[in-house]
Amino acid sequence: MNKAPLVIHEKEKITSVIQRYIGGAVSGQGNDMKPAFHNEATIFGYVGADLLAGPIQLLFDWNDENGPAADLQANIVNIDLEGTVATVRVELENWSGHRFTDLFTLLKFGSEWKITNKVFHLHA
């Protein structure tokens, strides 16, 4: 049995979830990206020497405070998929003047993918 069409379909669904996140970054509205995330999702990363860690609402609040990122360039570098789990790497340029590398874990709930964790690196 050829599983390639199923894998391609699932990767398209995962890409759609990540695009919703990116769209929220561009619009500057946390509520636009919120549906991409599980309600109990978390975020971890360093802003300078300070650890930012906690519920994903921290990201939504930061996004709202920074406003639209109309010049954001985002590139989905990799999607690794195994059954009901996936990891995604995204490179983001010019998000309010910053460059980020984001690593996401996603879990499939029924037929729907949700981001459960975002770990990021803020480039100097």
C-alpha atoms as a PDB file:
ATOM      1  CA  MET A   1       0.000   0.000   0.000  1.00  0.00           C
ATOM      2  CA  ASN A   2       1.327   3.417  -0.978  1.00  0.00           C
ATOM      3  CA  LYS A   3       1.120   5.766   2.024  1.00  0.00           C
ATOM      4  CA  ALA A   4       2.527   8.770   0.116  1.00  0.00           C
ATOM      5  CA  PRO A   5      -0.873  10.376  -0.704  1.00  0.00           C
ATOM      6  CA  LEU A   6      -1.911  10.150   2.971  1.00  0.00           C
ATOM      7  CA  VAL A   7       1.385  11.655   4.156  1.00  0.00           C
ATOM      8  CA  ILE A   8       1.102  14.456   1.583  1.00  0.00           C
ATOM      9  CA  HIS A   9      -2.476  15.174   2.710  1.00  0.00           C
ATOM     10  CA  GLU A  10      -1.446  15.299   6.382  1.00  0.00           C
ATOM     11  CA  LYS A  11       1.521  17.570   5.614  1.00  0.00           C
ATOM     12  CA  GLU A  12      -0.842  19.909   3.740  1.00  0.00           C
ATOM     13  CA  LYS A  13      -3.077  20.044   6.823  1.00  0.00           C
ATOM     14  CA  ILE A  14      -0.069  20.761   9.044  1.00  0.00           C
ATOM     15  CA  THR A  15       1.099  23.472   6.643  1.00  0.00           C
ATOM     16  CA  SER A  16      -2.346  25.057   6.874  1.00  0.00           C
ATOM     17  CA  VAL A  17      -2.062  25.194  10.677  1.00  0.00           C
ATOM     18  CA  ILE A  18       1.369  26.844  10.447  1.00  0.00           C
ATOM     19  CA  GLN A  19       0.059  29.300   7.837  1.00  0.00           C
ATOM     20  CA  ARG A  20      -2.676  30.321  10.307  1.00  0.00           C
ATOM     21  CA  TYR A  21       0.070  31.089  12.843  1.00  0.00           C
ATOM     22  CA  ILE A  22       2.017  33.085  10.243  1.00  0.00           C
ATOM     23  CA  GLY A  23      -1.141  34.916   9.194  1.00  0.00           C
ATOM     24  CA  GLY A  24      -1.683  36.014  12.779  1.00  0.00           C
ATOM     25  CA  ALA A  25       1.866  37.335  12.904  1.00  0.00           C
ATOM     26  CA  VAL A  26       1.282  39.341   9.732  1.00  0.00           C
ATOM     27  CA  SER A  27      -2.047  40.735  10.975  1.00  0.00           C
ATOM     28  CA  GLY A  28      -0.666  41.454  14.449  1.00  0.00           C
ATOM     29  CA  GLN A  29      -3.728  39.821  15.985  1.00  0.00           C
ATOM     30  CA  GLY A  30      -3.214  37.050  18.518  1.00  0.00           C
ATOM     31  CA  ASN A  31      -6.786  35.890  17.954  1.00  0.00           C
ATOM     32  CA  ASP A  32      -5.968  35.211  14.286  1.00  0.00           C
ATOM     33  CA  MET A  33      -3.284  32.670  15.240  1.00  0.00           C
ATOM     34  CA  LYS A  34      -5.026  31.258  18.308  1.00  0.00           C
ATOM     35  CA  PRO A  35      -6.981  28.526  16.424  1.00  0.00           C
ATOM     36  CA  ALA A  36      -3.667  26.956  15.355  1.00  0.00           C
ATOM     37  CA  PHE A  37      -2.818  26.153  18.979  1.00  0.00           C
ATOM     38  CA  HIS A  38      -4.165  23.697  21.518  1.00  0.00           C
ATOM     39  CA  ASN A  39      -5.729  25.451  24.513  1.00  0.00           C
ATOM     40  CA  GLU A  40      -2.956  24.125  26.764  1.00  0.00           C
ATOM     41  CA  ALA A  41      -0.062  24.907  24.401  1.00  0.00           C
ATOM     42  CA  THR A  42       3.145  26.371  25.794  1.00  0.00           C
ATOM     43  CA  ILE A  43       5.979  28.608  24.624  1.00  0.00           C
ATOM     44  CA  PHE A  44       9.672  28.576  25.548  1.00  0.00           C
ATOM     45  CA  GLY A  45      12.624  30.653  24.405  1.00  0.00           C
ATOM     46  CA  TYR A  46      15.086  33.337  25.399  1.00  0.00           C
ATOM     47  CA  VAL A  47      14.658  37.052  24.844  1.00  0.00           C
ATOM     48  CA  GLY A  48      18.192  38.207  25.481  1.00  0.00           C
ATOM     49  CA  ALA A  49      19.230  36.556  28.752  1.00  0.00           C
ATOM     50  CA  ASP A  50      15.627  36.250  29.967  1.00  0.00           C
ATOM     51  CA  LEU A  51      13.679  33.018  29.627  1.00  0.00           C
ATOM     52  CA  LEU A  52      10.171  33.423  28.269  1.00  0.00           C
ATOM     53  CA  ALA A  53       8.213  30.359  29.331  1.00  0.00           C
ATOM     54  CA  GLY A  54       4.595  29.595  30.012  1.00  0.00           C
ATOM     55  CA  PRO A  55       1.172  29.382  28.441  1.00  0.00           C
ATOM     56  CA  ILE A  56       0.852  30.265  24.756  1.00  0.00           C
ATOM     57  CA  GLN A  57      -1.216  33.321  25.714  1.00  0.00           C
ATOM     58  CA  LEU A  58       2.184  35.005  26.232  1.00  0.00           C
ATOM     59  CA  LEU A  59       2.707  34.795  22.466  1.00  0.00           C
ATOM     60  CA  PHE A  60      -0.754  36.141  21.666  1.00  0.00           C
ATOM     61  CA  ASP A  61      -0.235  39.091  24.022  1.00  0.00           C
ATOM     62  CA  TRP A  62       3.228  39.841  22.555  1.00  0.00           C
ATOM     63  CA  ASN A  63       1.790  39.678  19.052  1.00  0.00           C
ATOM     64  CA  ASP A  64      -1.032  42.078  19.948  1.00  0.00           C
ATOM     65  CA  GLU A  65       1.437  44.524  21.514  1.00  0.00           C
ATOM     66  CA  ASN A  66       3.747  44.492  18.472  1.00  0.00           C
ATOM     67  CA  GLY A  67       1.009  44.912  15.888  1.00  0.00           C
ATOM     68  CA  PRO A  68       1.099  43.874  12.232  1.00  0.00           C
ATOM     69  CA  ALA A  69       4.260  42.482  10.654  1.00  0.00           C
ATOM     70  CA  ALA A  70       3.350  43.243   7.044  1.00  0.00           C
ATOM     71  CA  ASP A  71       6.936  42.662   5.829  1.00  0.00           C
ATOM     72  CA  LEU A  72       7.289  39.281   7.534  1.00  0.00           C
ATOM     73  CA  GLN A  73       8.966  36.594   5.452  1.00  0.00           C
ATOM     74  CA  ALA A  74       8.302  33.068   6.658  1.00  0.00           C
ATOM     75  CA  ASN A  75       9.681  29.796   5.373  1.00  0.00           C
ATOM     76  CA  ILE A  76       8.575  26.353   6.503  1.00  0.00           C
ATOM     77  CA  VAL A  77      11.924  24.560   6.419  1.00  0.00           C
ATOM     78  CA  ASN A  78      10.893  21.096   7.537  1.00  0.00           C
ATOM     79  CA  ILE A  79       7.908  18.981   8.514  1.00  0.00           C
ATOM     80  CA  ASP A  80       8.628  15.664  10.198  1.00  0.00           C
ATOM     81  CA  LEU A  81       5.564  13.465  10.589  1.00  0.00           C
ATOM     82  CA  GLU A  82       5.001  10.178  12.371  1.00  0.00           C
ATOM     83  CA  GLY A  83       1.420   9.024  12.846  1.00  0.00           C
ATOM     84  CA  THR A  84      -0.300  11.490  15.162  1.00  0.00           C
ATOM     85  CA  VAL A  85       2.748  13.642  15.977  1.00  0.00           C
ATOM     86  CA  ALA A  86       4.693  16.158  13.931  1.00  0.00           C
ATOM     87  CA  THR A  87       7.491  18.668  14.299  1.00  0.00           C
ATOM     88  CA  VAL A  88       7.871  21.767  12.148  1.00  0.00           C
ATOM     89  CA  ARG A  89      10.749  24.221  11.743  1.00  0.00           C
ATOM     90  CA  VAL A  90       9.948  27.730  10.539  1.00  0.00           C
ATOM     91  CA  GLU A  91      12.381  30.548   9.769  1.00  0.00           C
ATOM     92  CA  LEU A  92      10.927  34.051  10.198  1.00  0.00           C
ATOM     93  CA  GLU A  93      12.578  37.234   8.954  1.00  0.00           C
ATOM     94  CA  ASN A  94      11.527  40.763   9.867  1.00  0.00           C
ATOM     95  CA  TRP A  95       8.898  40.059  12.510  1.00  0.00           C
ATOM     96  CA  SER A  96       8.825  43.576  13.934  1.00  0.00           C
ATOM     97  CA  GLY A  97      12.505  43.831  13.004  1.00  0.00           C
ATOM     98  CA  HIS A  98      13.446  40.466  14.522  1.00  0.00           C
ATOM     99  CA  ARG A  99      14.605  37.152  13.119  1.00  0.00           C
ATOM    100  CA  PHE A 100      13.315  33.957  14.718  1.00  0.00           C
ATOM    101  CA  THR A 101      13.736  30.235  14.305  1.00  0.00           C
ATOM    102  CA  ASP A 102      10.600  28.491  15.571  1.00  0.00           C
ATOM    103  CA  LEU A 103      10.288  24.803  16.348  1.00  0.00           C
ATOM    104  CA  PHE A 104       6.768  23.461  16.844  1.00  0.00           C
ATOM    105  CA  THR A 105       5.370  20.182  18.058  1.00  0.00           C
ATOM    106  CA  LEU A 106       1.921  19.282  16.808  1.00  0.00           C
ATOM    107  CA  LEU A 107      -0.508  16.575  17.804  1.00  0.00           C
ATOM    108  CA  LYS A 108      -3.434  15.265  15.805  1.00  0.00           C
ATOM    109  CA  PHE A 109      -6.746  15.441  17.664  1.00  0.00           C
ATOM    110  CA  GLY A 110      -9.243  13.397  15.660  1.00  0.00           C
ATOM    111  CA  SER A 111      -8.742  14.780  12.156  1.00  0.00           C
ATOM    112  CA  GLU A 112      -7.382  18.155  13.289  1.00  0.00           C
ATOM    113  CA  TRP A 113      -3.765  19.170  13.926  1.00  0.00           C
ATOM    114  CA  LYS A 114      -2.931  21.600  16.738  1.00  0.00           C
ATOM    115  CA  ILE A 115       0.330  23.153  17.873  1.00  0.00           C
ATOM    116  CA  THR A 116       1.066  21.951  21.402  1.00  0.00           C
ATOM    117  CA  ASN A 117       4.413  23.690  21.942  1.00  0.00           C
ATOM    118  CA  LYS A 118       6.484  26.463  20.412  1.00  0.00           C
ATOM    119  CA  VAL A 119      10.197  26.751  21.173  1.00  0.00           C
ATOM    120  CA  PHE A 120      11.961  29.681  19.570  1.00  0.00           C
ATOM    121  CA  HIS A 121      15.389  31.161  19.057  1.00  0.00           C
ATOM    122  CA  LEU A 122      15.612  34.943  18.727  1.00  0.00           C
ATOM    123  CA  HIS A 123      18.655  35.726  16.571  1.00  0.00           C
ATOM    124  CA  ALA A 124      20.928  38.575  17.664  1.00  0.00           C
END
